Amino acid sequence: MGFLPQVVDVLDQVHLDGQRMLFSATLDRDVDQLVRRYLHDLVVHSVDPSAGKITTMGHHVLVVHGPDCYAVTTEIAARDGRVLLFLDTKHAVDQLTRHLRASGVHAEALHSGKSQPQRTRTLAQFKNGQITVLVATNVAARGLHVDDLDLVVNVDPPTDPKGYVHRAGRTARAGESGSVVMLVLAGQRRETSRMMAGAGIEPTVTKVRSGEAELSRITGAKAPSGTPLDGGPAVPRPKNTNAPFRGLGTSKDTSRGAGSKSRKAGEARKAALVRRNG
């Protein structure tokens, strides 16, 4: 609960005899703290978990090949219609957004590093269709409602079942239908299965690669136009498909590669010197 101090300040100003009503989709530690501190003689109304399940929401786990993650994500983002992409860090959000815009995808970033006017403007553009892709951290996981948002993609998997539920809740709202997709590597499948089980969800698991019909069938993915939106150079499709995807919650570490190149250059110079002296 990111606004706990502010909520406490407001509640401290409410008259002791005033009526307090709490509505929460989940009950975490911070909310429980508010309950114990401010609510007395409670009357609790809860929804039957089975009744709360959304039957119009589909759940998919897409197992991707590591080097292909970037291409898969880009093709999903280039689909027709709105899509919300979740990543773990502000850096990863900004990096992917730049790549998508350079690929011709109308995308904007949303995270805590943006000012409130920037966030408000970006959300307005997403809702009115000026942009079709919102790339965000968990700042967009709660309290966000956008009509006709039928696809949520966890580019970086959430850390726990509640995180998944909150992200997924951005689609299939108010009787609409929607799909939630999570991209995972083969080595993440066991951990992901445990998390999904904790959320009470049995997803459809599919192995996919970029450009495949199955990826398009599930997500509507298609090749981007390749025409950059900000006047920069177009992004070519990588020739080396073994290059790892950097940006899904990570940053590129070039120190190891640079050191290796330096050592090889030094060894080559030594060998040349030995041959010359010999």
Protein backbone atom coordinates (compact mmCIF):
# COMPACT_ATOMS: atom_id res chain seq x y z
CA MET A 1 0.00 0.00 0.00
CA GLY A 2 2.03 2.90 -1.30
CA PHE A 3 -0.05 5.66 0.32
CA LEU A 4 -0.27 4.27 3.86
CA PRO A 5 1.12 7.42 5.57
CA GLN A 6 -1.34 9.65 3.72
CA VAL A 7 -4.27 7.36 4.54
CA VAL A 8 -3.25 7.38 8.20
CA ASP A 9 -3.12 11.21 8.19
CA VAL A 10 -6.67 11.37 6.80
CA LEU A 11 -8.06 8.82 9.25
CA ASP A 12 -6.46 10.63 12.18
CA GLN A 13 -8.59 13.66 11.30
CA VAL A 14 -11.88 11.74 11.20
CA HIS A 15 -14.08 12.19 14.27
CA LEU A 16 -13.97 9.19 16.58
CA ASP A 17 -17.74 8.73 16.28
CA GLY A 18 -17.61 8.80 12.49
CA GLN A 19 -18.47 5.76 10.42
CA ARG A 20 -15.58 4.08 8.64
CA MET A 21 -16.02 1.67 5.74
CA LEU A 22 -13.14 -0.24 4.17
CA PHE A 23 -13.24 -1.80 0.71
CA SER A 24 -10.26 -3.83 -0.47
CA ALA A 25 -9.66 -6.37 -3.21
CA THR A 26 -6.95 -7.99 -1.10
CA LEU A 27 -5.98 -7.87 2.56
CA ASP A 28 -2.25 -7.38 2.93
CA ARG A 29 -0.18 -6.44 5.97
CA ASP A 30 -0.67 -2.67 5.61
CA VAL A 31 -4.43 -2.93 5.18
CA ASP A 32 -4.61 -5.27 8.17
CA GLN A 33 -2.72 -2.65 10.18
CA LEU A 34 -5.38 -0.06 9.31
CA VAL A 35 -8.15 -2.47 10.29
CA ARG A 36 -6.67 -3.13 13.73
CA ARG A 37 -5.94 0.54 14.40
CA TYR A 38 -9.07 2.28 13.15
CA LEU A 39 -11.96 -0.18 12.87
CA HIS A 40 -13.85 -1.45 15.90
CA ASP A 41 -16.97 -3.61 16.32
CA LEU A 42 -16.48 -4.82 12.77
CA VAL A 43 -19.13 -6.12 10.43
CA VAL A 44 -17.37 -8.01 7.64
CA HIS A 45 -18.82 -8.80 4.23
CA SER A 46 -16.65 -10.90 1.93
CA VAL A 47 -17.16 -12.29 -1.54
CA ASP A 48 -17.03 -16.04 -2.08
CA PRO A 49 -13.69 -16.62 -3.88
CA SER A 50 -15.35 -18.93 -6.38
CA ALA A 51 -17.90 -16.23 -7.20
CA GLY A 52 -15.10 -13.71 -7.62
CA LYS A 53 -13.39 -15.60 -10.42
CA ILE A 54 -13.65 -13.88 -13.78
CA THR A 55 -14.77 -16.38 -16.38
CA THR A 56 -14.15 -13.93 -19.25
CA MET A 57 -10.41 -13.73 -18.53
CA GLY A 58 -7.96 -16.12 -20.20
CA HIS A 59 -4.52 -16.86 -18.73
CA HIS A 60 -1.53 -17.87 -20.85
CA VAL A 61 2.07 -18.66 -20.03
CA LEU A 62 4.25 -18.31 -23.12
CA VAL A 63 7.57 -20.12 -22.86
CA VAL A 64 10.06 -18.17 -24.95
CA HIS A 65 13.63 -18.74 -26.01
CA GLY A 66 15.81 -16.20 -24.19
CA PRO A 67 17.36 -14.52 -27.25
CA ASP A 68 13.90 -14.26 -28.83
CA CYS A 69 12.25 -12.34 -25.97
CA TYR A 70 12.80 -8.94 -27.54
CA ALA A 71 11.27 -9.92 -30.87
CA VAL A 72 8.30 -11.66 -29.21
CA THR A 73 7.59 -8.62 -27.04
CA THR A 74 7.85 -6.25 -30.00
CA GLU A 75 5.47 -8.29 -32.16
CA ILE A 76 2.92 -8.47 -29.34
CA ALA A 77 3.16 -4.71 -28.86
CA ALA A 78 2.60 -4.15 -32.61
CA ARG A 79 -0.79 -5.90 -32.50
CA ASP A 80 -4.04 -4.13 -33.32
CA GLY A 81 -5.69 -2.78 -30.17
CA ARG A 82 -4.48 -1.69 -26.76
CA VAL A 83 -1.96 -3.65 -24.71
CA LEU A 84 -0.46 -3.06 -21.27
CA LEU A 85 3.10 -4.35 -20.76
CA PHE A 86 4.45 -4.80 -17.23
CA LEU A 87 8.17 -4.74 -16.42
CA ASP A 88 9.96 -4.61 -13.07
CA THR A 89 12.12 -1.49 -13.29
CA LYS A 90 11.90 2.07 -14.55
CA HIS A 91 15.07 1.55 -16.58
CA ALA A 92 13.62 -1.48 -18.32
CA VAL A 93 10.36 0.38 -19.04
CA ASP A 94 12.19 3.32 -20.61
CA GLN A 95 14.50 1.08 -22.62
CA LEU A 96 11.68 -1.02 -24.06
CA THR A 97 9.57 2.05 -24.80
CA ARG A 98 12.39 3.62 -26.81
CA HIS A 99 12.86 0.40 -28.76
CA LEU A 100 9.14 0.08 -29.51
CA ARG A 101 8.85 3.67 -30.74
CA ALA A 102 11.93 3.18 -32.92
CA SER A 103 10.19 0.09 -34.33
CA GLY A 104 7.08 2.08 -35.25
CA VAL A 105 4.92 1.13 -32.25
CA HIS A 106 2.91 3.90 -30.55
CA ALA A 107 4.12 3.28 -27.00
CA GLU A 108 4.64 5.44 -23.92
CA ALA A 109 6.18 4.75 -20.51
CA LEU A 110 4.50 5.00 -17.12
CA HIS A 111 6.41 4.70 -13.84
CA SER A 112 7.14 6.54 -10.59
CA GLY A 113 9.93 8.53 -12.23
CA LYS A 114 7.36 10.43 -14.30
CA SER A 115 5.75 13.58 -12.93
CA GLN A 116 2.04 13.54 -12.17
CA PRO A 117 1.21 15.73 -15.21
CA GLN A 118 3.22 13.34 -17.40
CA ARG A 119 1.37 10.32 -15.98
CA THR A 120 -2.00 12.00 -16.42
CA ARG A 121 -1.22 12.93 -20.04
CA THR A 122 0.05 9.43 -20.86
CA LEU A 123 -3.03 7.75 -19.39
CA ALA A 124 -5.30 10.14 -21.29
CA GLN A 125 -3.50 9.29 -24.55
CA PHE A 126 -3.79 5.58 -23.81
CA LYS A 127 -7.51 5.88 -23.12
CA ASN A 128 -8.30 7.96 -26.20
CA GLY A 129 -6.22 5.79 -28.52
CA GLN A 130 -3.38 8.19 -29.32
CA ILE A 131 -1.05 5.51 -28.04
CA THR A 132 -1.84 1.80 -28.18
CA VAL A 133 0.86 0.44 -25.87
CA LEU A 134 1.43 1.38 -22.24
CA VAL A 135 4.74 0.12 -20.87
CA ALA A 136 4.64 0.31 -17.09
CA THR A 137 5.96 -0.79 -13.74
CA ASN A 138 3.63 -1.87 -10.94
CA VAL A 139 2.51 1.75 -10.61
CA ALA A 140 -0.18 0.76 -13.16
CA ALA A 141 -1.14 -2.46 -11.39
CA ARG A 142 -3.84 -0.92 -9.19
CA GLY A 143 -6.57 1.63 -9.65
CA LEU A 144 -6.24 1.82 -13.43
CA HIS A 145 -9.33 1.36 -15.60
CA VAL A 146 -9.18 1.59 -19.38
CA ASP A 147 -12.09 0.57 -21.59
CA ASP A 148 -11.41 -2.02 -24.29
CA LEU A 149 -8.09 -3.13 -22.80
CA ASP A 150 -8.17 -6.81 -23.71
CA LEU A 151 -4.52 -7.82 -23.27
CA VAL A 152 -2.13 -7.53 -20.33
CA VAL A 153 1.40 -8.89 -20.77
CA ASN A 154 3.78 -9.66 -17.92
CA VAL A 155 7.07 -9.20 -19.73
CA ASP A 156 8.70 -9.55 -16.32
CA PRO A 157 6.78 -12.06 -14.15
CA PRO A 158 5.30 -10.62 -10.94
CA THR A 159 6.97 -11.58 -7.69
CA ASP A 160 3.95 -13.09 -5.94
CA PRO A 161 0.35 -14.25 -6.53
CA LYS A 162 -1.15 -10.94 -5.34
CA GLY A 163 1.02 -9.07 -7.79
CA TYR A 164 -0.30 -11.27 -10.59
CA VAL A 165 -3.91 -10.75 -9.54
CA HIS A 166 -3.54 -6.97 -9.43
CA ARG A 167 -1.85 -6.79 -12.82
CA ALA A 168 -4.38 -9.15 -14.37
CA GLY A 169 -7.21 -7.04 -12.97
CA ARG A 170 -6.50 -4.31 -15.52
CA THR A 171 -8.33 -6.34 -18.18
CA ALA A 172 -11.70 -8.12 -18.35
CA ARG A 173 -13.30 -5.35 -16.28
CA ALA A 174 -16.99 -4.51 -16.03
CA GLY A 175 -18.11 -7.62 -17.90
CA GLU A 176 -15.60 -7.30 -20.73
CA SER A 177 -13.31 -10.15 -21.79
CA GLY A 178 -9.53 -10.15 -21.84
CA SER A 179 -6.35 -12.18 -21.74
CA VAL A 180 -3.35 -12.13 -19.44
CA VAL A 181 -0.05 -13.34 -20.87
CA MET A 182 3.18 -14.05 -19.04
CA LEU A 183 6.49 -14.48 -20.83
CA VAL A 184 8.81 -16.96 -19.13
CA LEU A 185 12.06 -18.71 -19.92
CA ALA A 186 12.31 -22.47 -19.60
CA GLY A 187 14.20 -22.12 -16.32
CA GLN A 188 11.41 -20.01 -14.80
CA ARG A 189 8.59 -22.48 -15.40
CA ARG A 190 8.69 -24.19 -12.00
CA GLU A 191 8.71 -20.93 -10.05
CA THR A 192 5.98 -19.53 -12.27
CA SER A 193 3.81 -22.62 -11.78
CA ARG A 194 4.02 -22.23 -8.00
CA MET A 195 3.04 -18.58 -8.20
CA MET A 196 0.09 -19.27 -10.49
CA ALA A 197 -1.09 -22.06 -8.21
CA GLY A 198 -0.94 -19.61 -5.32
CA ALA A 199 -3.24 -17.32 -7.28
CA GLY A 200 -5.63 -20.21 -7.94
CA ILE A 201 -5.07 -20.05 -11.69
CA GLU A 202 -4.39 -22.83 -14.18
CA PRO A 203 -2.94 -21.14 -17.27
CA THR A 204 -2.55 -22.51 -20.76
CA VAL A 205 1.16 -23.11 -21.36
CA THR A 206 2.52 -22.73 -24.90
CA LYS A 207 6.01 -22.62 -26.37
CA VAL A 208 6.28 -19.81 -28.92
CA ARG A 209 8.77 -18.03 -31.13
CA SER A 210 8.56 -14.70 -32.89
CA GLY A 211 6.86 -14.80 -36.26
CA GLU A 212 4.91 -17.97 -35.48
CA ALA A 213 1.20 -18.29 -36.14
CA GLU A 214 0.60 -19.59 -32.61
CA LEU A 215 1.94 -16.37 -31.09
CA SER A 216 -0.39 -14.37 -33.32
CA ARG A 217 -3.35 -16.60 -32.47
CA ILE A 218 -2.93 -16.07 -28.73
CA THR A 219 -1.94 -12.40 -28.65
CA GLY A 220 -2.67 -10.90 -32.07
CA ALA A 221 1.07 -10.35 -32.54
CA LYS A 222 2.33 -9.07 -35.87
CA ALA A 223 5.50 -7.55 -37.30
CA PRO A 224 5.93 -3.84 -36.51
CA SER A 225 6.08 -1.27 -39.29
CA GLY A 226 9.73 -0.53 -38.61
CA THR A 227 9.17 3.19 -39.25
CA PRO A 228 10.49 5.13 -36.23
CA LEU A 229 8.08 7.57 -34.61
CA ASP A 230 10.63 10.05 -33.28
CA GLY A 231 12.69 10.62 -36.41
CA GLY A 232 15.54 8.32 -35.45
CA PRO A 233 16.95 5.39 -37.39
CA ALA A 234 14.82 2.31 -37.88
CA VAL A 235 15.54 -0.68 -35.69
CA PRO A 236 16.82 -3.60 -37.79
CA ARG A 237 15.92 -7.13 -36.85
CA PRO A 238 18.96 -8.57 -35.06
CA LYS A 239 21.05 -10.84 -37.26
CA ASN A 240 22.55 -12.63 -34.26
CA THR A 241 19.58 -14.38 -32.68
CA ASN A 242 21.85 -15.72 -29.95
CA ALA A 243 22.27 -12.26 -28.45
CA PRO A 244 20.50 -12.20 -25.07
CA PHE A 245 17.60 -9.84 -24.50
CA ARG A 246 18.65 -7.08 -22.11
CA GLY A 247 15.95 -4.89 -20.65
CA LEU A 248 13.39 -7.18 -19.05
CA GLY A 249 14.09 -5.88 -15.58
CA THR A 250 17.85 -6.02 -16.15
CA SER A 251 20.61 -3.79 -17.39
CA LYS A 252 23.38 -4.67 -19.75
CA ASP A 253 26.70 -5.46 -18.11
CA THR A 254 29.45 -4.90 -20.63
CA SER A 255 32.38 -5.03 -18.22
CA ARG A 256 32.96 -8.74 -18.62
CA GLY A 257 32.95 -8.61 -22.42
CA ALA A 258 35.21 -5.56 -22.47
CA GLY A 259 37.71 -7.25 -20.18
CA SER A 260 37.73 -10.36 -22.34
CA LYS A 261 38.42 -8.33 -25.48
CA SER A 262 41.21 -6.45 -23.72
CA ARG A 263 42.86 -9.67 -22.57
CA LYS A 264 42.66 -11.18 -26.06
CA ALA A 265 44.20 -8.06 -27.58
CA GLY A 266 47.02 -8.16 -25.05
CA GLU A 267 47.70 -11.83 -25.74
CA ALA A 268 47.79 -11.15 -29.48
CA ARG A 269 50.33 -8.35 -29.01
CA LYS A 270 52.52 -10.62 -26.86
CA ALA A 271 52.40 -13.39 -29.47
CA ALA A 272 53.38 -10.95 -32.22
CA LEU A 273 56.28 -9.67 -30.13
CA VAL A 274 57.53 -13.22 -29.50
CA ARG A 275 57.40 -14.01 -33.23
CA ARG A 276 59.25 -10.80 -34.07
CA ASN A 277 62.00 -11.43 -31.51
CA GLY A 278 62.28 -15.07 -32.55
